[in-house]
C-alpha atoms as a PDB file:
ATOM      1  CA  MET A   1     115.847  -5.244  26.312  1.00  0.00           C
ATOM      2  CA  ARG A   2     116.141  -1.898  25.632  1.00  0.00           C
ATOM      3  CA  LEU A   3     115.758  -0.386  29.636  1.00  0.00           C
ATOM      4  CA  TRP A   4     118.637  -2.730  30.311  1.00  0.00           C
ATOM      5  CA  GLU A   5     121.096  -1.537  27.423  1.00  0.00           C
ATOM      6  CA  THR A   6     120.063   2.304  27.317  1.00  0.00           C
ATOM      7  CA  TYR A   7     120.775   2.778  30.716  1.00  0.00           C
ATOM      8  CA  GLY A   8     123.817   0.355  31.043  1.00  0.00           C
ATOM      9  CA  ILE A   9     122.282  -2.068  33.116  1.00  0.00           C
ATOM     10  CA  ALA A  10     124.703  -4.839  33.566  1.00  0.00           C
ATOM     11  CA  ASP A  11     127.432  -2.627  34.726  1.00  0.00           C
ATOM     12  CA  LYS A  12     125.549  -1.287  37.000  1.00  0.00           C
ATOM     13  CA  VAL A  13     124.463  -5.131  38.304  1.00  0.00           C
ATOM     14  CA  THR A  14     128.413  -5.260  38.177  1.00  0.00           C
ATOM     15  CA  ALA A  15     129.707  -2.430  40.244  1.00  0.00           C
ATOM     16  CA  ILE A  16     127.098  -4.141  43.137  1.00  0.00           C
ATOM     17  CA  LEU A  17     128.500  -7.201  42.731  1.00  0.00           C
ATOM     18  CA  ASN A  18     132.224  -5.896  43.010  1.00  0.00           C
ATOM     19  CA  GLU A  19     131.494  -3.975  46.000  1.00  0.00           C
ATOM     20  CA  VAL A  20     129.982  -6.738  47.934  1.00  0.00           C
ATOM     21  CA  PRO A  21     131.335  -5.118  51.399  1.00  0.00           C
ATOM     22  CA  ASP A  22     131.429  -8.355  53.414  1.00  0.00           C
ATOM     23  CA  TYR A  23     134.218  -9.832  50.577  1.00  0.00           C
ATOM     24  CA  LEU A  24     137.247 -11.245  52.494  1.00  0.00           C
ATOM     25  CA  THR A  25     139.589 -11.105  50.033  1.00  0.00           C
ATOM     26  CA  THR A  26     141.881 -13.848  51.905  1.00  0.00           C
ATOM     27  CA  HIS A  27     138.984 -16.445  52.926  1.00  0.00           C
ATOM     28  CA  HIS A  28     139.803 -19.520  50.128  1.00  0.00           C
ATOM     29  CA  PHE A  29     135.380 -19.410  49.298  1.00  0.00           C
ATOM     30  CA  THR A  30     136.272 -15.888  47.471  1.00  0.00           C
ATOM     31  CA  ARG A  31     133.414 -14.246  46.364  1.00  0.00           C
ATOM     32  CA  PRO A  32     130.084 -14.353  48.222  1.00  0.00           C
ATOM     33  CA  PHE A  33     127.090 -14.222  45.777  1.00  0.00           C
ATOM     34  CA  LEU A  34     123.828 -11.422  46.261  1.00  0.00           C
ATOM     35  CA  THR A  35     120.583 -13.340  45.253  1.00  0.00           C
ATOM     36  CA  ALA A  36     118.783 -11.297  43.352  1.00  0.00           C
ATOM     37  CA  TYR A  37     116.743  -9.406  46.145  1.00  0.00           C
ATOM     38  CA  GLN A  38     119.711  -8.159  47.463  1.00  0.00           C
ATOM     39  CA  ILE A  39     120.912  -7.353  44.122  1.00  0.00           C
ATOM     40  CA  ALA A  40     117.408  -5.212  43.845  1.00  0.00           C
ATOM     41  CA  ILE A  41     117.961  -3.593  46.863  1.00  0.00           C
ATOM     42  CA  GLU A  42     120.556  -1.843  46.507  1.00  0.00           C
ATOM     43  CA  PHE A  43     119.924  -1.177  42.555  1.00  0.00           C
ATOM     44  CA  ALA A  44     117.169   0.941  43.860  1.00  0.00           C
ATOM     45  CA  ARG A  45     118.663   2.656  46.749  1.00  0.00           C
ATOM     46  CA  ARG A  46     121.357   3.828  43.920  1.00  0.00           C
ATOM     47  CA  HIS A  47     119.311   4.181  40.868  1.00  0.00           C
ATOM     48  CA  PRO A  48     116.303   5.461  41.450  1.00  0.00           C
ATOM     49  CA  ALA A  49     114.910   7.303  38.678  1.00  0.00           C
ATOM     50  CA  VAL A  50     116.652   3.428  36.800  1.00  0.00           C
ATOM     51  CA  VAL A  51     114.228   2.253  38.915  1.00  0.00           C
ATOM     52  CA  THR A  52     110.897   4.645  38.275  1.00  0.00           C
ATOM     53  CA  ALA A  53     111.947   4.262  34.820  1.00  0.00           C
ATOM     54  CA  ILE A  54     111.343   0.116  34.234  1.00  0.00           C
ATOM     55  CA  GLY A  55     108.094   0.933  36.358  1.00  0.00           C
ATOM     56  CA  LYS A  56     108.350  -2.849  38.696  1.00  0.00           C
ATOM     57  CA  PRO A  57     107.775  -2.524  42.232  1.00  0.00           C
ATOM     58  CA  LEU A  58     110.553  -4.077  44.468  1.00  0.00           C
ATOM     59  CA  GLY A  59     109.217  -7.607  44.870  1.00  0.00           C
ATOM     60  CA  GLY A  60     108.444  -9.998  47.669  1.00  0.00           C
ATOM     61  CA  ALA A  61     106.134 -11.908  49.871  1.00  0.00           C
ATOM     62  CA  GLY A  62     102.569 -10.062  49.806  1.00  0.00           C
ATOM     63  CA  THR A  63     102.610  -7.442  46.823  1.00  0.00           C
ATOM     64  CA  GLY A  64     100.265  -9.703  45.280  1.00  0.00           C
ATOM     65  CA  GLN A  65     102.109  -8.583  41.411  1.00  0.00           C
ATOM     66  CA  HIS A  66     104.326 -10.993  39.998  1.00  0.00           C
ATOM     67  CA  ASP A  67     106.255  -8.473  37.944  1.00  0.00           C
ATOM     68  CA  SER A  68     108.891  -6.870  40.008  1.00  0.00           C
ATOM     69  CA  LEU A  69     112.438  -5.260  39.975  1.00  0.00           C
ATOM     70  CA  THR A  70     113.568  -8.618  41.021  1.00  0.00           C
ATOM     71  CA  GLN A  71     112.672 -10.830  38.985  1.00  0.00           C
ATOM     72  CA  TYR A  72     113.430  -8.477  36.014  1.00  0.00           C
ATOM     73  CA  LEU A  73     116.951  -8.550  37.088  1.00  0.00           C
ATOM     74  CA  ALA A  74     117.404 -12.170  37.570  1.00  0.00           C
ATOM     75  CA  GLN A  75     115.370 -12.521  33.555  1.00  0.00           C
ATOM     76  CA  ARG A  76     117.679 -11.065  32.087  1.00  0.00           C
ATOM     77  CA  LEU A  77     120.954 -11.267  34.479  1.00  0.00           C
ATOM     78  CA  SER A  78     120.109 -15.191  33.342  1.00  0.00           C
ATOM     79  CA  GLU A  79     119.912 -13.737  29.937  1.00  0.00           C
ATOM     80  CA  GLN A  80     122.975 -12.459  29.280  1.00  0.00           C
ATOM     81  CA  ILE A  81     124.413 -15.283  31.761  1.00  0.00           C
ATOM     82  CA  LYS A  82     123.323 -18.265  28.728  1.00  0.00           C
ATOM     83  CA  THR A  83     124.138 -16.113  26.017  1.00  0.00           C
ATOM     84  CA  GLY A  84     128.057 -15.627  27.108  1.00  0.00           C
ATOM     85  CA  LYS A  85     126.894 -11.218  26.817  1.00  0.00           C
ATOM     86  CA  LEU A  86     127.958 -11.636  30.629  1.00  0.00           C
ATOM     87  CA  LEU A  87     131.207 -13.413  31.565  1.00  0.00           C
ATOM     88  CA  HIS A  88     132.278 -12.158  33.688  1.00  0.00           C
ATOM     89  CA  ILE A  89     128.824 -12.805  36.342  1.00  0.00           C
ATOM     90  CA  GLU A  90     128.086 -16.149  37.267  1.00  0.00           C
ATOM     91  CA  GLY A  91     124.391 -18.409  38.591  1.00  0.00           C
ATOM     92  CA  SER A  92     123.828 -20.624  41.347  1.00  0.00           C
ATOM     93  CA  PHE A  93     120.283 -21.199  43.278  1.00  0.00           C
ATOM     94  CA  LEU A  94     119.602 -21.417  47.124  1.00  0.00           C
ATOM     95  CA  SER A  95     117.585 -24.516  47.101  1.00  0.00           C
ATOM     96  CA  ASN A  96     114.457 -24.306  49.074  1.00  0.00           C
ATOM     97  CA  GLN A  97     114.863 -26.971  50.978  1.00  0.00           C
ATOM     98  CA  HIS A  98     114.231 -27.021  54.892  1.00  0.00           C
ATOM     99  CA  LEU A  99     113.676 -23.043  54.098  1.00  0.00           C
ATOM    100  CA  GLU A 100     111.032 -21.612  55.734  1.00  0.00           C
ATOM    101  CA  ASP A 101     111.371 -17.682  55.436  1.00  0.00           C
ATOM    102  CA  ILE A 102     114.145 -15.614  53.952  1.00  0.00           C
ATOM    103  CA  ALA A 103     113.583 -12.235  54.270  1.00  0.00           C
ATOM    104  CA  PHE A 104     115.585  -8.603  53.197  1.00  0.00           C
ATOM    105  CA  ARG A 105     115.315  -4.763  54.568  1.00  0.00           C
ATOM    106  CA  SER A 106     115.156  -2.211  52.263  1.00  0.00           C
ATOM    107  CA  ASP A 107     115.718   0.699  54.378  1.00  0.00           C
ATOM    108  CA  ASN A 108     113.247   0.719  57.436  1.00  0.00           C
ATOM    109  CA  GLN A 109     111.070  -2.165  54.774  1.00  0.00           C
ATOM    110  CA  ILE A 110     111.516  -5.862  55.376  1.00  0.00           C
ATOM    111  CA  LEU A 111     110.761  -7.844  52.653  1.00  0.00           C
ATOM    112  CA  HIS A 112     110.208 -11.471  52.313  1.00  0.00           C
ATOM    113  CA  SER A 113     110.677 -13.460  49.422  1.00  0.00           C
ATOM    114  CA  SER A 114     107.991 -15.138  47.732  1.00  0.00           C
ATOM    115  CA  LEU A 115     110.223 -17.945  46.379  1.00  0.00           C
ATOM    116  CA  THR A 116     110.885 -19.815  50.022  1.00  0.00           C
ATOM    117  CA  GLY A 117     108.162 -22.145  50.638  1.00  0.00           C
ATOM    118  CA  THR A 118     107.546 -22.746  46.780  1.00  0.00           C
ATOM    119  CA  GLN A 119     109.159 -25.069  43.934  1.00  0.00           C
ATOM    120  CA  TYR A 120     110.734 -22.107  43.038  1.00  0.00           C
ATOM    121  CA  THR A 121     114.489 -21.930  44.376  1.00  0.00           C
ATOM    122  CA  LEU A 122     116.130 -18.534  44.442  1.00  0.00           C
ATOM    123  CA  SER A 123     118.832 -16.864  42.033  1.00  0.00           C
ATOM    124  CA  MET A 124     122.002 -15.852  43.250  1.00  0.00           C
ATOM    125  CA  TYR A 125     124.885 -13.914  41.491  1.00  0.00           C
ATOM    126  CA  ARG A 126     128.199 -13.171  42.320  1.00  0.00           C
ATOM    127  CA  ILE A 127     131.553 -11.712  40.685  1.00  0.00           C
ATOM    128  CA  ARG A 128     133.375 -14.627  38.283  1.00  0.00           C
ATOM    129  CA  GLU A 129     136.788 -15.775  39.867  1.00  0.00           C
END
């Protein structure tokens, strides 16, 4: 938890969620969710020194590592939401039902979710309305 507090990671993630570029303020669905992958990709783009301090790779299928930046952010966000420390962020899941693959772009690299095709769901987060 020290890294989380030392680097103000909650505030950095909040800024990312507040600045979702395709947020249509006039639509009745309100804010879109970002998956943990999308948050991690943008976090790495904005805060490379913090990512270096965290010391985890971005993640994705085929990395051979189960301890990723994506997993770290998702776990911490979930914990903080559950304990009431992040009341302004809500989480949800994207089901794997009928989902074969989901891919994300990070710079010139394509990352495939390591969770599709498993019993695990993809976590998603947004600013609470």
